[in-house]
Protein backbone atom coordinates (compact mmCIF):
# COMPACT_ATOMS: atom_id res chain seq x y z
CA UNK A 1 0.00 0.00 0.00
CA UNK A 2 1.44 3.39 -0.96
CA UNK A 3 1.57 6.38 1.32
CA UNK A 4 -1.02 8.18 -0.77
CA UNK A 5 -3.50 5.33 -0.50
CA UNK A 6 -3.03 4.73 3.23
CA UNK A 7 -5.70 6.06 5.61
CA UNK A 8 -4.94 9.70 6.31
CA UNK A 9 -5.41 9.37 10.06
CA UNK A 10 -2.23 7.28 10.29
CA UNK A 11 -0.11 10.26 9.30
CA UNK A 12 -1.28 12.62 12.06
CA UNK A 13 -0.72 12.80 15.80
CA UNK A 14 -3.84 12.35 17.97
CA UNK A 15 -4.17 16.08 18.74
CA UNK A 16 -3.83 16.95 15.06
CA UNK A 17 -6.39 14.34 14.08
CA UNK A 18 -8.80 15.54 16.75
CA UNK A 19 -8.45 19.11 15.49
CA UNK A 20 -9.02 18.01 11.91
CA UNK A 21 -12.26 16.24 12.89
CA UNK A 22 -13.34 19.32 14.80
CA UNK A 23 -12.62 21.61 11.83
CA UNK A 24 -14.53 19.37 9.42
CA UNK A 25 -17.49 19.22 11.79
CA UNK A 26 -17.51 23.02 12.04
CA UNK A 27 -17.54 23.29 8.25
CA UNK A 28 -20.47 20.88 7.92
CA UNK A 29 -22.52 22.38 10.74
CA UNK A 30 -22.00 25.77 9.12
CA UNK A 31 -23.15 24.50 5.74
CA UNK A 32 -26.20 22.47 6.78
CA UNK A 33 -28.78 22.27 9.59
CA UNK A 34 -27.76 20.04 12.49
CA UNK A 35 -30.23 17.29 11.56
CA UNK A 36 -28.78 17.04 8.07
CA UNK A 37 -25.22 16.35 9.26
CA UNK A 38 -24.34 12.81 10.29
CA UNK A 39 -21.26 11.45 11.98
CA UNK A 40 -20.66 9.53 8.75
CA UNK A 41 -20.58 12.84 6.87
CA UNK A 42 -18.05 14.25 9.33
CA UNK A 43 -15.94 11.12 9.20
CA UNK A 44 -15.93 11.14 5.41
CA UNK A 45 -14.83 14.75 5.21
CA UNK A 46 -12.12 14.23 7.84
CA UNK A 47 -10.98 10.95 6.28
CA UNK A 48 -11.38 8.95 9.49
CA UNK A 49 -13.39 6.01 10.77
CA UNK A 50 -16.69 7.07 12.34
CA UNK A 51 -15.73 5.43 15.64
CA UNK A 52 -12.86 7.89 16.00
CA UNK A 53 -15.39 10.73 16.28
CA UNK A 54 -17.06 8.97 19.21
CA UNK A 55 -13.67 8.29 20.75
CA UNK A 56 -12.64 11.95 20.72
CA UNK A 57 -15.95 13.75 21.17
CA UNK A 58 -18.67 11.36 22.29
CA UNK A 59 -21.96 11.88 20.48
CA UNK A 60 -22.71 14.10 17.50
CA UNK A 61 -24.60 16.36 19.89
CA UNK A 62 -21.56 16.79 22.15
CA UNK A 63 -19.37 17.61 19.15
CA UNK A 64 -21.96 20.10 17.89
CA UNK A 65 -22.10 21.93 21.21
CA UNK A 66 -18.31 22.04 21.40
CA UNK A 67 -18.18 23.56 17.91
CA UNK A 68 -20.68 26.27 18.88
CA UNK A 69 -18.81 27.06 22.09
CA UNK A 70 -15.49 27.54 20.31
CA UNK A 71 -16.97 29.51 17.42
CA UNK A 72 -18.55 32.05 19.76
CA UNK A 73 -16.01 32.37 22.60
CA UNK A 74 -12.92 34.58 22.61
CA UNK A 75 -10.19 32.42 24.24
CA UNK A 76 -7.83 33.51 27.00
CA UNK A 77 -4.75 33.26 24.78
CA UNK A 78 -6.12 35.96 22.44
CA UNK A 79 -5.49 38.57 25.14
CA UNK A 80 -1.92 37.39 25.60
CA UNK A 81 -1.26 37.90 21.89
CA UNK A 82 -2.13 41.59 21.97
CA UNK A 83 0.75 44.05 21.81
CA UNK A 84 1.67 46.35 24.66
CA UNK A 85 0.92 50.00 24.12
CA UNK A 86 -1.88 52.51 23.98
CA UNK A 87 -5.57 51.73 24.17
CA UNK A 88 -5.88 52.63 20.49
CA UNK A 89 -3.13 50.17 19.55
CA UNK A 90 -4.67 47.37 21.61
CA UNK A 91 -8.24 47.89 20.38
CA UNK A 92 -6.95 47.96 16.81
CA UNK A 93 -5.08 44.68 17.33
CA UNK A 94 -7.98 43.07 19.21
CA UNK A 95 -10.43 43.76 16.40
CA UNK A 96 -7.89 42.55 13.84
CA UNK A 97 -7.52 39.27 15.77
CA UNK A 98 -11.29 38.92 15.96
CA UNK A 99 -11.82 39.45 12.23
CA UNK A 100 -9.14 36.87 11.50
CA UNK A 101 -10.95 34.45 13.78
CA UNK A 102 -14.29 35.11 12.09
CA UNK A 103 -12.72 34.55 8.67
CA UNK A 104 -11.31 31.23 9.88
CA UNK A 105 -14.60 30.14 11.46
CA UNK A 106 -16.43 31.06 8.27
CA UNK A 107 -19.96 29.78 7.91
CA UNK A 108 -20.13 28.34 11.43
CA UNK A 109 -19.84 31.79 13.02
CA UNK A 110 -22.45 33.17 10.63
CA UNK A 111 -24.79 30.29 11.38
CA UNK A 112 -24.46 30.88 15.11
CA UNK A 113 -25.28 34.60 14.89
CA UNK A 114 -28.11 34.24 12.35
CA UNK A 115 -31.47 35.54 13.61
CA UNK A 116 -33.05 32.12 13.12
CA UNK A 117 -30.18 30.50 15.00
CA UNK A 118 -28.68 27.05 14.47
CA UNK A 119 -31.41 24.74 15.61
CA UNK A 120 -31.75 26.65 18.84
CA UNK A 121 -32.72 24.98 22.10
CA UNK A 122 -32.19 25.73 25.77
CA UNK A 123 -28.72 24.16 25.88
CA UNK A 124 -27.54 26.04 22.80
CA UNK A 125 -28.97 29.30 24.13
CA UNK A 126 -27.11 28.78 27.40
CA UNK A 127 -23.85 28.17 25.56
CA UNK A 128 -24.35 31.34 23.49
CA UNK A 129 -25.11 33.40 26.60
CA UNK A 130 -22.04 32.04 28.38
CA UNK A 131 -19.91 32.68 25.30
CA UNK A 132 -21.07 36.30 25.15
CA UNK A 133 -20.24 36.84 28.82
CA UNK A 134 -16.86 35.07 28.67
CA UNK A 135 -15.90 36.89 25.50
CA UNK A 136 -16.85 40.22 27.10
CA UNK A 137 -14.59 39.31 30.05
CA UNK A 138 -11.72 38.79 27.62
CA UNK A 139 -12.35 42.18 26.02
CA UNK A 140 -12.34 43.87 29.43
CA UNK A 141 -9.01 42.21 30.17
CA UNK A 142 -7.69 43.27 26.76
CA UNK A 143 -8.49 46.94 27.34
CA UNK A 144 -6.95 46.95 30.81
CA UNK A 145 -9.94 46.93 33.15
CA UNK A 146 -8.69 45.68 36.56
CA UNK A 147 -10.28 42.37 37.62
CA UNK A 148 -11.37 43.91 40.95
CA UNK A 149 -13.30 46.74 39.27
CA UNK A 150 -16.56 47.13 41.19
CA UNK A 151 -18.51 47.90 38.02
CA UNK A 152 -17.26 44.80 36.19
CA UNK A 153 -20.77 43.43 35.62
CA UNK A 154 -22.01 46.73 34.18
CA UNK A 155 -18.96 47.03 31.93
CA UNK A 156 -19.40 43.43 30.82
CA UNK A 157 -22.99 44.29 29.86
CA UNK A 158 -21.76 47.26 27.81
CA UNK A 159 -19.36 45.01 25.91
CA UNK A 160 -22.17 42.51 25.30
CA UNK A 161 -24.26 45.33 23.88
CA UNK A 162 -21.31 46.30 21.67
CA UNK A 163 -21.23 42.64 20.65
CA UNK A 164 -24.63 43.10 19.04
CA UNK A 165 -23.10 45.66 16.70
CA UNK A 166 -20.15 43.33 16.07
CA UNK A 167 -22.51 40.60 14.87
CA UNK A 168 -24.51 43.02 12.72
CA UNK A 169 -21.31 44.36 11.14
CA UNK A 170 -20.19 40.80 10.46
CA UNK A 171 -23.38 40.13 8.53
CA UNK A 172 -23.00 43.36 6.52
CA UNK A 173 -19.48 42.25 5.59
CA UNK A 174 -19.75 38.49 5.08
CA UNK A 175 -23.38 38.04 4.04
CA UNK A 176 -24.55 41.23 2.36
CA UNK A 177 -21.21 42.53 1.11
CA UNK A 178 -22.28 46.08 2.01
CA UNK A 179 -19.03 46.67 3.93
CA UNK A 180 -15.51 45.40 3.34
CA UNK A 181 -13.12 44.17 6.00
CA UNK A 182 -11.29 47.49 6.32
CA UNK A 183 -14.55 49.35 6.88
CA UNK A 184 -15.73 46.84 9.46
CA UNK A 185 -12.37 47.07 11.21
CA UNK A 186 -12.60 50.86 11.37
CA UNK A 187 -16.17 50.71 12.71
CA UNK A 188 -15.44 48.16 15.39
CA UNK A 189 -12.04 49.40 16.55
CA UNK A 190 -13.04 53.06 16.78
CA UNK A 191 -16.33 52.18 18.48
CA UNK A 192 -14.55 49.98 21.01
CA UNK A 193 -12.02 52.71 21.71
CA UNK A 194 -14.80 55.25 22.27
CA UNK A 195 -16.72 52.83 24.46
CA UNK A 196 -13.73 52.24 26.72
CA UNK A 197 -12.31 55.78 26.71
CA UNK A 198 -15.56 57.73 27.05
CA UNK A 199 -18.53 55.55 27.95
CA UNK A 200 -16.84 53.42 30.62
CA UNK A 201 -15.78 56.48 32.69
CA UNK A 202 -19.27 57.95 32.42
CA UNK A 203 -20.88 54.72 33.61
CA UNK A 204 -18.44 54.38 36.49
CA UNK A 205 -18.95 58.02 37.48
CA UNK A 206 -22.68 57.51 37.45
CA UNK A 207 -22.34 54.41 39.65
CA UNK A 208 -20.10 56.28 42.08
CA UNK A 209 -22.63 59.08 42.40
CA UNK A 210 -25.55 56.86 43.37
């Protein structure tokens, strides 16, 4: 048997193979409704035996929820990648990282933010709510808000509200083509800078005066 004809999973380490399965599942769940994607479909695209999907992820449902969680959550390491410097420099870099992530996630991210959702149910809604809150926490860390800030919850809510604009801008860029990446970057980075530099102090001043 030649190398080219051998099963592809033999040539990858377990972590690489797991990531390949995950990426193929994300592609398929982004392309089709959940009910129309089978573990056989995922296995075929990834070039693995179907049992390997169960070995790494459990059921199709568990894999699906993991894909949603990753697609919608800003990870801790993203903050560590940001450059030192001014707020303007960091917000610019943070938005650039986010747009790169959205481009990589592709249709899965769009499916998750679509008004009709991705086969929504209570468990999916909980994951999306948790992802919004966790991602807002990462943004607060990225812009230098101290973890002991007494208005953390209010600031987190402001970032989640900003997140609504982020999703709308993503649709204007990737679905409707009304904005290009550079325009979306300008909108999101300048809005985030204004939110942190001007709105945050006003909210904290208001809270202090109560």
